[in-house]
Amino acid sequence: MKITIENIPVSDEPEIILRCHEADDSLVQLVYAMQDASKRIIGTMDSQIHIIHPKDVFYFESVDNKVFIYCEKNVYESKLKLYEIEAEYENWDFFRASKSTILNIAKIKYVSPVFYGKFEAHLLSGEKVFISRQYVPVFKKKLGL
């Protein structure tokens, strides 16, 4: 693969042109990553608005019609619904782990099978999150298994 970088005048808008015979999955993922690099999540805590990078999120959880953003040390509230988050970040490492949880695969330390086909994800933060059996195939697909 050949990579070319050109300097342009400050007044011109930067653009990326990809030339290929066929866009494979890795190329499509690269395009999504470039588009998503500037995405941020807005969360509130103690009446303060926080800007959170998606890679810092361990998981999202819906409790009593509110959506919470769980990071390593803090928990924020989101104005978005789970289905909106799922759609917005489907090309990231996020996947629906249960009816009320969207989990970041990159924050999983290891996974253990538990009763009735469920999995228990042990996160880098020390927390444990269940992956419902109906979402286990989604999880495996996301991992490429």
Protein backbone atom coordinates (compact mmCIF):
# COMPACT_ATOMS: atom_id res chain seq x y z
CA MET A 1 0.00 0.00 0.00
CA LYS A 2 1.25 3.46 -0.88
CA ILE A 3 0.59 6.46 1.41
CA THR A 4 0.96 10.03 0.19
CA ILE A 5 0.63 13.15 2.34
CA GLU A 6 0.40 16.55 0.66
CA ASN A 7 0.62 19.94 2.32
CA ILE A 8 -2.18 22.27 1.27
CA PRO A 9 -2.88 25.96 1.80
CA VAL A 10 -4.50 26.84 5.13
CA SER A 11 -7.56 28.16 3.30
CA ASP A 12 -8.29 24.73 1.72
CA GLU A 13 -10.33 22.09 3.53
CA PRO A 14 -8.38 18.90 4.24
CA GLU A 15 -9.63 15.85 2.34
CA ILE A 16 -8.80 12.18 2.25
CA ILE A 17 -9.00 10.25 -1.01
CA LEU A 18 -8.77 6.47 -0.94
CA ARG A 19 -7.97 4.68 -4.18
CA CYS A 20 -8.44 0.94 -4.19
CA HIS A 21 -9.58 -1.96 -6.35
CA GLU A 22 -12.21 -2.98 -3.82
CA ALA A 23 -13.04 -1.68 -0.34
CA ASP A 24 -12.52 -4.60 2.05
CA ASP A 25 -13.59 -4.70 5.71
CA SER A 26 -10.29 -3.34 7.03
CA LEU A 27 -10.50 -0.33 4.71
CA VAL A 28 -14.10 0.35 5.72
CA GLN A 29 -13.10 0.14 9.41
CA LEU A 30 -10.29 2.61 8.74
CA VAL A 31 -12.72 5.07 7.17
CA TYR A 32 -15.10 4.74 10.13
CA ALA A 33 -12.22 5.25 12.56
CA MET A 34 -11.19 8.46 10.79
CA GLN A 35 -14.76 9.75 10.81
CA ASP A 36 -15.31 8.78 14.43
CA ALA A 37 -12.00 10.14 15.77
CA SER A 38 -13.61 13.43 16.73
CA LYS A 39 -16.72 11.93 18.34
CA ARG A 40 -17.36 12.77 21.96
CA ILE A 41 -20.04 11.77 24.43
CA ILE A 42 -21.67 14.32 26.67
CA GLY A 43 -22.30 13.23 30.23
CA THR A 44 -23.49 15.11 33.28
CA MET A 45 -22.45 14.70 36.90
CA ASP A 46 -23.36 17.03 39.76
CA SER A 47 -24.92 19.57 37.34
CA GLN A 48 -21.64 19.76 35.40
CA ILE A 49 -21.32 18.86 31.74
CA HIS A 50 -18.41 16.55 30.92
CA ILE A 51 -16.99 15.71 27.51
CA ILE A 52 -16.01 12.03 27.36
CA HIS A 53 -14.06 10.23 24.65
CA PRO A 54 -15.77 6.93 23.72
CA LYS A 55 -12.56 4.93 24.30
CA ASP A 56 -12.75 5.93 27.99
CA VAL A 57 -16.19 4.37 28.43
CA PHE A 58 -16.40 0.91 29.98
CA TYR A 59 -20.15 0.49 29.46
CA PHE A 60 -23.51 2.21 29.22
CA GLU A 61 -26.40 1.08 31.38
CA SER A 62 -30.06 1.96 31.47
CA VAL A 63 -31.59 2.11 34.96
CA ASP A 64 -35.07 3.53 35.72
CA ASN A 65 -35.36 5.19 32.27
CA LYS A 66 -31.99 6.93 32.69
CA VAL A 67 -28.79 6.04 30.85
CA PHE A 68 -25.51 6.08 32.72
CA ILE A 69 -21.98 6.17 31.31
CA TYR A 70 -19.52 4.11 33.35
CA CYS A 71 -15.88 5.13 33.06
CA GLU A 72 -12.92 3.93 35.11
CA LYS A 73 -13.55 6.18 38.11
CA ASN A 74 -16.73 8.15 37.42
CA VAL A 75 -20.32 7.56 36.42
CA TYR A 76 -22.10 10.15 34.29
CA GLU A 77 -25.67 10.49 33.13
CA SER A 78 -26.42 10.67 29.42
CA LYS A 79 -29.34 12.32 27.66
CA LEU A 80 -29.15 9.69 24.90
CA LYS A 81 -31.17 6.47 24.89
CA LEU A 82 -29.42 3.10 24.63
CA TYR A 83 -30.65 2.51 21.08
CA GLU A 84 -29.21 5.89 20.03
CA ILE A 85 -25.84 5.03 21.58
CA GLU A 86 -25.90 1.59 19.98
CA ALA A 87 -26.53 3.08 16.53
CA GLU A 88 -24.01 5.90 16.96
CA TYR A 89 -21.14 3.66 18.10
CA GLU A 90 -21.80 0.42 16.23
CA ASN A 91 -18.51 0.74 14.36
CA TRP A 92 -16.55 1.13 17.58
CA ASP A 93 -15.84 -1.68 20.04
CA PHE A 94 -19.30 -1.36 21.61
CA PHE A 95 -21.99 -4.03 21.48
CA ARG A 96 -25.31 -4.72 23.15
CA ALA A 97 -24.60 -7.09 26.05
CA SER A 98 -28.12 -7.17 27.46
CA LYS A 99 -31.40 -5.33 27.19
CA SER A 100 -30.07 -2.64 29.53
CA THR A 101 -26.31 -2.64 28.79
CA ILE A 102 -23.93 -1.69 25.99
CA LEU A 103 -20.40 -2.90 26.67
CA ASN A 104 -16.98 -1.80 25.36
CA ILE A 105 -15.06 -4.91 24.25
CA ALA A 106 -11.75 -3.07 24.63
CA LYS A 107 -12.38 -2.78 28.39
CA ILE A 108 -12.91 -6.53 28.97
CA LYS A 109 -10.13 -8.32 30.82
CA TYR A 110 -11.64 -11.79 30.39
CA VAL A 111 -15.00 -13.54 30.02
CA SER A 112 -16.33 -16.52 31.97
CA PRO A 113 -19.31 -18.69 31.05
CA VAL A 114 -21.99 -18.75 33.74
CA PHE A 115 -25.35 -20.47 34.09
CA TYR A 116 -27.95 -20.79 31.31
CA GLY A 117 -25.61 -19.72 28.51
CA LYS A 118 -24.79 -16.29 29.91
CA PHE A 119 -21.28 -14.90 30.05
CA GLU A 120 -19.77 -12.76 32.77
CA ALA A 121 -17.39 -10.07 31.50
CA HIS A 122 -14.69 -9.08 33.97
CA LEU A 123 -13.68 -5.52 33.15
CA LEU A 124 -10.31 -3.83 33.54
CA SER A 125 -11.90 -1.67 36.25
CA GLY A 126 -12.66 -4.76 38.36
CA GLU A 127 -16.40 -4.62 37.68
CA LYS A 128 -18.39 -7.56 36.34
CA VAL A 129 -21.09 -7.22 33.68
CA PHE A 130 -23.33 -10.03 32.42
CA ILE A 131 -23.71 -10.76 28.73
CA SER A 132 -27.20 -12.20 28.15
CA ARG A 133 -27.37 -15.45 26.25
CA GLN A 134 -29.33 -13.84 23.40
CA TYR A 135 -26.41 -11.39 22.88
CA VAL A 136 -23.59 -13.96 23.15
CA PRO A 137 -23.65 -14.57 19.35
CA VAL A 138 -23.30 -10.79 18.79
CA PHE A 139 -20.35 -10.77 21.19
CA LYS A 140 -18.68 -13.71 19.43
CA LYS A 141 -19.21 -12.09 16.03
CA LYS A 142 -17.70 -8.83 17.28
CA LEU A 143 -14.65 -10.82 18.44
CA GLY A 144 -14.45 -12.70 15.14
CA LEU A 145 -15.19 -16.11 16.68
